[in-house]
Amino acid sequence: MRLAFYGIQLLDGFETTRPNVQGRLPELMREAGFSEVRIIRNMATLFGTMTIYAACKQP
């Protein structure tokens, strides 16, 4: 799957996709003020696993 995602990185850029590859999206969501960050679903795609997250943010 990592090899398939490489194509996405070529199109979107390595710098912009690096946090996703490193598994840092939940951490970045918390830093942006979201709480209760959790995975709702993982789906296999042609380009790798797509993860759907849910989180809460107070106004």
N, C-alpha and C. Protein backbone atom coordinates (compact mmCIF):
# COMPACT_ATOMS: atom_id res chain seq x y z
N MET A 1 0.82 -1.19 0.00
CA MET A 1 0.00 0.00 0.00
C MET A 1 0.86 1.25 0.00
N ARG A 2 1.99 1.17 0.67
CA ARG A 2 2.88 2.33 0.73
C ARG A 2 3.34 2.71 -0.67
N LEU A 3 3.62 1.71 -1.50
CA LEU A 3 4.06 1.97 -2.87
C LEU A 3 2.95 2.66 -3.67
N ALA A 4 1.71 2.24 -3.47
CA ALA A 4 0.59 2.86 -4.18
C ALA A 4 0.44 4.33 -3.76
N PHE A 5 0.66 4.62 -2.48
CA PHE A 5 0.53 5.99 -1.99
C PHE A 5 1.64 6.88 -2.54
N TYR A 6 2.73 6.30 -2.94
CA TYR A 6 3.83 7.06 -3.52
C TYR A 6 3.34 7.89 -4.72
N GLY A 7 2.43 7.32 -5.51
CA GLY A 7 1.86 8.06 -6.65
C GLY A 7 1.12 9.30 -6.21
N ILE A 8 0.39 9.20 -5.11
CA ILE A 8 -0.31 10.37 -4.56
C ILE A 8 0.70 11.42 -4.13
N GLN A 9 1.78 10.97 -3.50
CA GLN A 9 2.81 11.91 -3.06
C GLN A 9 3.45 12.62 -4.24
N LEU A 10 3.64 11.92 -5.35
CA LEU A 10 4.20 12.57 -6.54
C LEU A 10 3.28 13.68 -7.04
N LEU A 11 1.98 13.46 -6.96
CA LEU A 11 1.02 14.45 -7.44
C LEU A 11 0.82 15.60 -6.45
N ASP A 12 0.72 15.26 -5.16
CA ASP A 12 0.37 16.27 -4.15
C ASP A 12 1.59 16.87 -3.46
N GLY A 13 2.71 16.21 -3.53
CA GLY A 13 3.92 16.71 -2.90
C GLY A 13 4.26 15.93 -1.65
N PHE A 14 5.53 15.70 -1.45
CA PHE A 14 5.99 14.92 -0.31
C PHE A 14 5.85 15.69 1.00
N GLU A 15 6.06 16.98 0.96
CA GLU A 15 5.98 17.78 2.18
C GLU A 15 4.54 17.83 2.72
N THR A 16 3.58 17.97 1.83
CA THR A 16 2.19 18.08 2.27
C THR A 16 1.61 16.74 2.71
N THR A 17 2.16 15.64 2.27
CA THR A 17 1.64 14.32 2.64
C THR A 17 2.45 13.64 3.75
N ARG A 18 3.57 14.22 4.12
CA ARG A 18 4.45 13.60 5.13
C ARG A 18 3.76 13.32 6.47
N PRO A 19 3.00 14.29 7.04
CA PRO A 19 2.34 14.00 8.33
C PRO A 19 1.40 12.79 8.25
N ASN A 20 0.73 12.63 7.12
CA ASN A 20 -0.15 11.49 6.95
C ASN A 20 0.64 10.19 6.95
N VAL A 21 1.73 10.15 6.23
CA VAL A 21 2.59 8.96 6.17
C VAL A 21 3.14 8.63 7.55
N GLN A 22 3.46 9.66 8.32
CA GLN A 22 4.03 9.46 9.65
C GLN A 22 2.97 9.14 10.71
N GLY A 23 1.69 9.15 10.31
CA GLY A 23 0.62 8.85 11.26
C GLY A 23 0.33 9.97 12.24
N ARG A 24 0.64 11.20 11.85
CA ARG A 24 0.51 12.34 12.76
C ARG A 24 -0.81 13.10 12.66
N LEU A 25 -1.74 12.66 11.81
CA LEU A 25 -2.97 13.43 11.65
C LEU A 25 -3.75 13.60 12.95
N PRO A 26 -3.94 12.57 13.78
CA PRO A 26 -4.64 12.80 15.05
C PRO A 26 -3.94 13.82 15.94
N GLU A 27 -2.63 13.77 16.00
CA GLU A 27 -1.84 14.73 16.79
C GLU A 27 -2.06 16.15 16.27
N LEU A 28 -2.03 16.32 14.94
CA LEU A 28 -2.23 17.65 14.35
C LEU A 28 -3.65 18.15 14.59
N MET A 29 -4.61 17.25 14.59
CA MET A 29 -5.99 17.65 14.88
C MET A 29 -6.10 18.16 16.32
N ARG A 30 -5.44 17.47 17.25
CA ARG A 30 -5.45 17.92 18.66
C ARG A 30 -4.78 19.28 18.79
N GLU A 31 -3.66 19.46 18.11
CA GLU A 31 -2.95 20.75 18.15
C GLU A 31 -3.81 21.88 17.60
N ALA A 32 -4.71 21.55 16.68
CA ALA A 32 -5.61 22.55 16.09
C ALA A 32 -6.82 22.83 16.98
N GLY A 33 -6.89 22.16 18.15
CA GLY A 33 -7.96 22.44 19.08
C GLY A 33 -9.08 21.41 19.13
N PHE A 34 -8.94 20.33 18.40
CA PHE A 34 -9.96 19.29 18.43
C PHE A 34 -9.70 18.33 19.58
N SER A 35 -10.76 17.77 20.13
CA SER A 35 -10.63 16.77 21.19
C SER A 35 -11.38 15.51 20.78
N GLU A 36 -11.22 14.47 21.55
CA GLU A 36 -11.90 13.20 21.28
C GLU A 36 -11.65 12.72 19.85
N VAL A 37 -10.44 12.87 19.38
CA VAL A 37 -10.09 12.43 18.02
C VAL A 37 -10.12 10.91 17.99
N ARG A 38 -10.87 10.38 17.05
CA ARG A 38 -10.98 8.92 16.95
C ARG A 38 -11.17 8.50 15.50
N ILE A 39 -10.83 7.26 15.24
CA ILE A 39 -11.00 6.68 13.91
C ILE A 39 -12.41 6.12 13.81
N ILE A 40 -13.12 6.52 12.78
CA ILE A 40 -14.46 6.02 12.52
C ILE A 40 -14.41 4.79 11.63
N ARG A 41 -13.54 4.85 10.61
CA ARG A 41 -13.49 3.75 9.64
C ARG A 41 -12.18 3.79 8.86
N ASN A 42 -11.67 2.63 8.53
CA ASN A 42 -10.55 2.47 7.60
C ASN A 42 -11.08 1.77 6.36
N MET A 43 -10.73 2.32 5.19
CA MET A 43 -11.20 1.74 3.93
C MET A 43 -10.00 1.52 3.01
N ALA A 44 -9.93 0.35 2.45
CA ALA A 44 -8.87 0.05 1.48
C ALA A 44 -9.25 0.68 0.14
N THR A 45 -8.28 1.37 -0.47
CA THR A 45 -8.48 1.96 -1.80
C THR A 45 -7.32 1.53 -2.69
N LEU A 46 -7.39 1.90 -3.94
CA LEU A 46 -6.29 1.58 -4.86
C LEU A 46 -4.99 2.27 -4.48
N PHE A 47 -5.10 3.36 -3.71
CA PHE A 47 -3.92 4.16 -3.37
C PHE A 47 -3.50 4.01 -1.91
N GLY A 48 -4.06 3.06 -1.22
CA GLY A 48 -3.72 2.84 0.18
C GLY A 48 -4.96 2.91 1.05
N THR A 49 -4.77 2.87 2.33
CA THR A 49 -5.88 2.90 3.27
C THR A 49 -6.32 4.34 3.52
N MET A 50 -7.62 4.57 3.40
CA MET A 50 -8.18 5.88 3.71
C MET A 50 -8.83 5.77 5.09
N THR A 51 -8.47 6.67 5.98
CA THR A 51 -9.01 6.67 7.34
C THR A 51 -9.94 7.84 7.51
N ILE A 52 -11.13 7.57 8.06
CA ILE A 52 -12.10 8.61 8.37
C ILE A 52 -12.00 8.90 9.86
N TYR A 53 -11.74 10.15 10.21
CA TYR A 53 -11.62 10.57 11.61
C TYR A 53 -12.85 11.37 12.02
N ALA A 54 -13.12 11.36 13.31
CA ALA A 54 -14.14 12.24 13.91
C ALA A 54 -13.50 12.90 15.10
N ALA A 55 -13.94 14.11 15.40
CA ALA A 55 -13.39 14.84 16.55
C ALA A 55 -14.40 15.92 16.95
N CYS A 56 -14.19 16.48 18.12
CA CYS A 56 -15.04 17.55 18.63
C CYS A 56 -14.22 18.83 18.76
N LYS A 57 -14.89 19.96 18.55
CA LYS A 57 -14.23 21.25 18.77
C LYS A 57 -15.23 22.19 19.40
N GLN A 58 -14.86 22.73 20.53
CA GLN A 58 -15.73 23.67 21.22
C GLN A 58 -15.55 25.06 20.62
N PRO A 59 -16.63 25.85 20.54
CA PRO A 59 -16.51 27.21 19.97
C PRO A 59 -15.68 28.13 20.83
